[in-house]
Amino acid sequence: MTNYERIKAMSIEEMAAFVEAAGRNNCQKICVYRQGSENCKKLPCQTGIKHWLERESK
């Protein structure tokens, strides 16, 4: 199951908590690029988040 599939399966309460937590932590928790890395600097956050969504969930 990918992170995207896991998020789609969340209840409204789980989704609200996830969105609230993600906003608080900027994109560090939902981006595949280490903050400050070359990829973080040269690629848009949306790209890193898309790659995170496509990864297998833990």
PDB file of N, CA and C in Angstrom:
ATOM      1  N   MET A   1       0.859  -1.174   0.000  1.00  0.00           N
ATOM      2  CA  MET A   1       0.000   0.000   0.000  1.00  0.00           C
ATOM      3  C   MET A   1       0.906   1.238   0.000  1.00  0.00           C
ATOM      4  N   THR A   2       0.646   2.154  -0.904  1.00  0.00           N
ATOM      5  CA  THR A   2       1.418   3.393  -0.948  1.00  0.00           C
ATOM      6  C   THR A   2       0.880   4.387   0.082  1.00  0.00           C
ATOM      7  N   ASN A   3       1.644   5.436   0.341  1.00  0.00           N
ATOM      8  CA  ASN A   3       1.165   6.490   1.249  1.00  0.00           C
ATOM      9  C   ASN A   3      -0.124   7.100   0.718  1.00  0.00           C
ATOM     10  N   TYR A   4      -0.225   7.261  -0.589  1.00  0.00           N
ATOM     11  CA  TYR A   4      -1.441   7.803  -1.208  1.00  0.00           C
ATOM     12  C   TYR A   4      -2.638   6.908  -0.897  1.00  0.00           C
ATOM     13  N   GLU A   5      -2.468   5.605  -1.075  1.00  0.00           N
ATOM     14  CA  GLU A   5      -3.562   4.677  -0.803  1.00  0.00           C
ATOM     15  C   GLU A   5      -3.940   4.697   0.679  1.00  0.00           C
ATOM     16  N   ARG A   6      -2.921   4.810   1.539  1.00  0.00           N
ATOM     17  CA  ARG A   6      -3.179   4.877   2.979  1.00  0.00           C
ATOM     18  C   ARG A   6      -3.989   6.112   3.331  1.00  0.00           C
ATOM     19  N   ILE A   7      -3.639   7.247   2.722  1.00  0.00           N
ATOM     20  CA  ILE A   7      -4.364   8.490   2.987  1.00  0.00           C
ATOM     21  C   ILE A   7      -5.797   8.393   2.476  1.00  0.00           C
ATOM     22  N   LYS A   8      -5.983   7.811   1.289  1.00  0.00           N
ATOM     23  CA  LYS A   8      -7.340   7.662   0.745  1.00  0.00           C
ATOM     24  C   LYS A   8      -8.234   6.830   1.655  1.00  0.00           C
ATOM     25  N   ALA A   9      -7.625   5.911   2.386  1.00  0.00           N
ATOM     26  CA  ALA A   9      -8.404   5.023   3.250  1.00  0.00           C
ATOM     27  C   ALA A   9      -8.693   5.632   4.626  1.00  0.00           C
ATOM     28  N   MET A  10      -8.155   6.834   4.899  1.00  0.00           N
ATOM     29  CA  MET A  10      -8.345   7.464   6.208  1.00  0.00           C
ATOM     30  C   MET A  10      -9.792   7.914   6.414  1.00  0.00           C
ATOM     31  N   SER A  11     -10.188   7.888   7.669  1.00  0.00           N
ATOM     32  CA  SER A  11     -11.480   8.477   8.034  1.00  0.00           C
ATOM     33  C   SER A  11     -11.322   9.990   7.985  1.00  0.00           C
ATOM     34  N   ILE A  12     -12.416  10.721   8.044  1.00  0.00           N
ATOM     35  CA  ILE A  12     -12.367  12.180   8.023  1.00  0.00           C
ATOM     36  C   ILE A  12     -11.583  12.714   9.227  1.00  0.00           C
ATOM     37  N   GLU A  13     -11.708  12.065  10.368  1.00  0.00           N
ATOM     38  CA  GLU A  13     -10.973  12.479  11.561  1.00  0.00           C
ATOM     39  C   GLU A  13      -9.471  12.263  11.384  1.00  0.00           C
ATOM     40  N   GLU A  14      -9.091  11.099  10.829  1.00  0.00           N
ATOM     41  CA  GLU A  14      -7.680  10.811  10.585  1.00  0.00           C
ATOM     42  C   GLU A  14      -7.101  11.783   9.556  1.00  0.00           C
ATOM     43  N   MET A  15      -7.859  12.071   8.518  1.00  0.00           N
ATOM     44  CA  MET A  15      -7.407  12.998   7.479  1.00  0.00           C
ATOM     45  C   MET A  15      -7.210  14.397   8.061  1.00  0.00           C
ATOM     46  N   ALA A  16      -8.128  14.847   8.885  1.00  0.00           N
ATOM     47  CA  ALA A  16      -8.017  16.177   9.496  1.00  0.00           C
ATOM     48  C   ALA A  16      -6.764  16.256  10.364  1.00  0.00           C
ATOM     49  N   ALA A  17      -6.494  15.230  11.142  1.00  0.00           N
ATOM     50  CA  ALA A  17      -5.306  15.200  11.996  1.00  0.00           C
ATOM     51  C   ALA A  17      -4.038  15.174  11.147  1.00  0.00           C
ATOM     52  N   PHE A  18      -4.048  14.414  10.060  1.00  0.00           N
ATOM     53  CA  PHE A  18      -2.890  14.322   9.174  1.00  0.00           C
ATOM     54  C   PHE A  18      -2.590  15.679   8.531  1.00  0.00           C
ATOM     55  N   VAL A  19      -3.612  16.330   8.004  1.00  0.00           N
ATOM     56  CA  VAL A  19      -3.429  17.628   7.347  1.00  0.00           C
ATOM     57  C   VAL A  19      -2.947  18.670   8.347  1.00  0.00           C
ATOM     58  N   GLU A  20      -3.517  18.650   9.539  1.00  0.00           N
ATOM     59  CA  GLU A  20      -3.104  19.606  10.573  1.00  0.00           C
ATOM     60  C   GLU A  20      -1.638  19.386  10.945  1.00  0.00           C
ATOM     61  N   ALA A  21      -1.235  18.140  11.129  1.00  0.00           N
ATOM     62  CA  ALA A  21       0.152  17.824  11.498  1.00  0.00           C
ATOM     63  C   ALA A  21       1.112  18.154  10.358  1.00  0.00           C
ATOM     64  N   ALA A  22       0.728  17.885   9.140  1.00  0.00           N
ATOM     65  CA  ALA A  22       1.585  18.175   7.983  1.00  0.00           C
ATOM     66  C   ALA A  22       1.813  19.672   7.839  1.00  0.00           C
ATOM     67  N   GLY A  23       0.791  20.465   8.068  1.00  0.00           N
ATOM     68  CA  GLY A  23       0.917  21.911   7.983  1.00  0.00           C
ATOM     69  C   GLY A  23       1.817  22.479   9.061  1.00  0.00           C
ATOM     70  N   ARG A  24       1.788  21.876  10.201  1.00  0.00           N
ATOM     71  CA  ARG A  24       2.602  22.325  11.337  1.00  0.00           C
ATOM     72  C   ARG A  24       4.081  22.039  11.093  1.00  0.00           C
ATOM     73  N   ASN A  25       4.375  20.949  10.400  1.00  0.00           N
ATOM     74  CA  ASN A  25       5.757  20.524  10.177  1.00  0.00           C
ATOM     75  C   ASN A  25       6.287  20.941   8.815  1.00  0.00           C
ATOM     76  N   ASN A  26       5.642  21.901   8.183  1.00  0.00           N
ATOM     77  CA  ASN A  26       5.964  22.270   6.803  1.00  0.00           C
ATOM     78  C   ASN A  26       5.902  21.012   5.965  1.00  0.00           C
ATOM     79  N   CYS A  27       6.830  20.775   5.086  1.00  0.00           N
ATOM     80  CA  CYS A  27       6.719  19.556   4.269  1.00  0.00           C
ATOM     81  C   CYS A  27       7.740  18.509   4.674  1.00  0.00           C
ATOM     82  N   GLN A  28       8.443  18.697   5.782  1.00  0.00           N
ATOM     83  CA  GLN A  28       9.510  17.773   6.164  1.00  0.00           C
ATOM     84  C   GLN A  28       9.047  16.332   6.332  1.00  0.00           C
ATOM     85  N   LYS A  29       7.856  16.126   6.822  1.00  0.00           N
ATOM     86  CA  LYS A  29       7.374  14.768   7.078  1.00  0.00           C
ATOM     87  C   LYS A  29       6.788  14.116   5.824  1.00  0.00           C
ATOM     88  N   ILE A  30       6.421  14.915   4.832  1.00  0.00           N
ATOM     89  CA  ILE A  30       5.778  14.350   3.645  1.00  0.00           C
ATOM     90  C   ILE A  30       6.509  14.745   2.371  1.00  0.00           C
ATOM     91  N   CYS A  31       7.826  14.732   2.432  1.00  0.00           N
ATOM     92  CA  CYS A  31       8.656  15.032   1.263  1.00  0.00           C
ATOM     93  C   CYS A  31       9.817  14.058   1.276  1.00  0.00           C
ATOM     94  N   VAL A  32      10.183  13.523   0.124  1.00  0.00           N
ATOM     95  CA  VAL A  32      11.278  12.560   0.077  1.00  0.00           C
ATOM     96  C   VAL A  32      12.637  13.228   0.141  1.00  0.00           C
ATOM     97  N   TYR A  33      12.693  14.537  -0.056  1.00  0.00           N
ATOM     98  CA  TYR A  33      13.974  15.236  -0.070  1.00  0.00           C
ATOM     99  C   TYR A  33      14.318  15.759   1.313  1.00  0.00           C
ATOM    100  N   ARG A  34      15.537  15.510   1.739  1.00  0.00           N
ATOM    101  CA  ARG A  34      16.022  16.038   3.016  1.00  0.00           C
ATOM    102  C   ARG A  34      16.058  17.555   2.934  1.00  0.00           C
ATOM    103  N   GLN A  35      15.553  18.215   3.931  1.00  0.00           N
ATOM    104  CA  GLN A  35      15.511  19.677   3.920  1.00  0.00           C
ATOM    105  C   GLN A  35      16.930  20.229   3.795  1.00  0.00           C
ATOM    106  N   GLY A  36      17.114  21.143   2.852  1.00  0.00           N
ATOM    107  CA  GLY A  36      18.410  21.755   2.618  1.00  0.00           C
ATOM    108  C   GLY A  36      19.268  21.018   1.610  1.00  0.00           C
ATOM    109  N   SER A  37      18.840  19.813   1.181  1.00  0.00           N
ATOM    110  CA  SER A  37      19.607  19.048   0.201  1.00  0.00           C
ATOM    111  C   SER A  37      19.516  19.716  -1.171  1.00  0.00           C
ATOM    112  N   GLU A  38      20.361  19.276  -2.100  1.00  0.00           N
ATOM    113  CA  GLU A  38      20.338  19.843  -3.452  1.00  0.00           C
ATOM    114  C   GLU A  38      18.963  19.677  -4.098  1.00  0.00           C
ATOM    115  N   ASN A  39      18.370  18.474  -3.974  1.00  0.00           N
ATOM    116  CA  ASN A  39      17.045  18.261  -4.563  1.00  0.00           C
ATOM    117  C   ASN A  39      16.003  19.160  -3.918  1.00  0.00           C
ATOM    118  N   CYS A  40      16.114  19.359  -2.607  1.00  0.00           N
ATOM    119  CA  CYS A  40      15.179  20.239  -1.899  1.00  0.00           C
ATOM    120  C   CYS A  40      15.297  21.665  -2.445  1.00  0.00           C
ATOM    121  N   LYS A  41      16.506  22.081  -2.720  1.00  0.00           N
ATOM    122  CA  LYS A  41      16.737  23.442  -3.201  1.00  0.00           C
ATOM    123  C   LYS A  41      16.313  23.647  -4.647  1.00  0.00           C
ATOM    124  N   LYS A  42      16.481  22.613  -5.499  1.00  0.00           N
ATOM    125  CA  LYS A  42      16.242  22.836  -6.923  1.00  0.00           C
ATOM    126  C   LYS A  42      14.901  22.309  -7.443  1.00  0.00           C
ATOM    127  N   LEU A  43      14.232  21.456  -6.689  1.00  0.00           N
ATOM    128  CA  LEU A  43      12.955  20.901  -7.145  1.00  0.00           C
ATOM    129  C   LEU A  43      11.812  21.449  -6.284  1.00  0.00           C
ATOM    130  N   PRO A  44      10.630  21.630  -6.875  1.00  0.00           N
ATOM    131  CA  PRO A  44       9.501  22.150  -6.088  1.00  0.00           C
ATOM    132  C   PRO A  44       9.040  21.146  -5.031  1.00  0.00           C
ATOM    133  N   CYS A  45       8.527  21.660  -3.930  1.00  0.00           N
ATOM    134  CA  CYS A  45       8.007  20.801  -2.864  1.00  0.00           C
ATOM    135  C   CYS A  45       6.977  19.820  -3.397  1.00  0.00           C
ATOM    136  N   GLN A  46       6.175  20.262  -4.335  1.00  0.00           N
ATOM    137  CA  GLN A  46       5.128  19.399  -4.892  1.00  0.00           C
ATOM    138  C   GLN A  46       5.723  18.116  -5.466  1.00  0.00           C
ATOM    139  N   THR A  47       6.914  18.197  -6.056  1.00  0.00           N
ATOM    140  CA  THR A  47       7.564  17.019  -6.620  1.00  0.00           C
ATOM    141  C   THR A  47       7.971  16.049  -5.509  1.00  0.00           C
ATOM    142  N   GLY A  48       8.575  16.572  -4.447  1.00  0.00           N
ATOM    143  CA  GLY A  48       8.974  15.716  -3.324  1.00  0.00           C
ATOM    144  C   GLY A  48       7.791  15.069  -2.645  1.00  0.00           C
ATOM    145  N   ILE A  49       6.700  15.801  -2.509  1.00  0.00           N
ATOM    146  CA  ILE A  49       5.492  15.259  -1.892  1.00  0.00           C
ATOM    147  C   ILE A  49       4.877  14.195  -2.791  1.00  0.00           C
ATOM    148  N   LYS A  50       4.862  14.422  -4.098  1.00  0.00           N
ATOM    149  CA  LYS A  50       4.340  13.422  -5.046  1.00  0.00           C
ATOM    150  C   LYS A  50       5.135  12.129  -4.925  1.00  0.00           C
ATOM    151  N   HIS A  51       6.435  12.223  -4.847  1.00  0.00           N
ATOM    152  CA  HIS A  51       7.266  11.019  -4.699  1.00  0.00           C
ATOM    153  C   HIS A  51       6.973  10.314  -3.375  1.00  0.00           C
ATOM    154  N   TRP A  52       6.733  11.087  -2.313  1.00  0.00           N
ATOM    155  CA  TRP A  52       6.389  10.492  -1.023  1.00  0.00           C
ATOM    156  C   TRP A  52       5.067   9.734  -1.114  1.00  0.00           C
ATOM    157  N   LEU A  53       4.085  10.329  -1.786  1.00  0.00           N
ATOM    158  CA  LEU A  53       2.776   9.678  -1.937  1.00  0.00           C
ATOM    159  C   LEU A  53       2.891   8.350  -2.677  1.00  0.00           C
ATOM    160  N   GLU A  54       3.822   8.257  -3.595  1.00  0.00           N
ATOM    161  CA  GLU A  54       3.997   7.047  -4.403  1.00  0.00           C
ATOM    162  C   GLU A  54       4.788   5.953  -3.682  1.00  0.00           C
ATOM    163  N   ARG A  55       5.429   6.290  -2.576  1.00  0.00           N
ATOM    164  CA  ARG A  55       6.203   5.307  -1.811  1.00  0.00           C
ATOM    165  C   ARG A  55       5.282   4.367  -1.030  1.00  0.00           C
ATOM    166  N   GLU A  56       5.830   3.208  -0.709  1.00  0.00           N
ATOM    167  CA  GLU A  56       5.113   2.276   0.159  1.00  0.00           C
ATOM    168  C   GLU A  56       5.001   2.894   1.549  1.00  0.00           C
ATOM    169  N   SER A  57       3.851   2.751   2.176  1.00  0.00           N
ATOM    170  CA  SER A  57       3.661   3.307   3.528  1.00  0.00           C
ATOM    171  C   SER A  57       4.304   2.396   4.553  1.00  0.00           C
ATOM    172  N   LYS A  58       4.590   2.977   5.699  1.00  0.00           N
ATOM    173  CA  LYS A  58       5.212   2.202   6.793  1.00  0.00           C
ATOM    174  C   LYS A  58       4.188   1.710   7.759  1.00  0.00           C
TER     175      LYS A  58
END
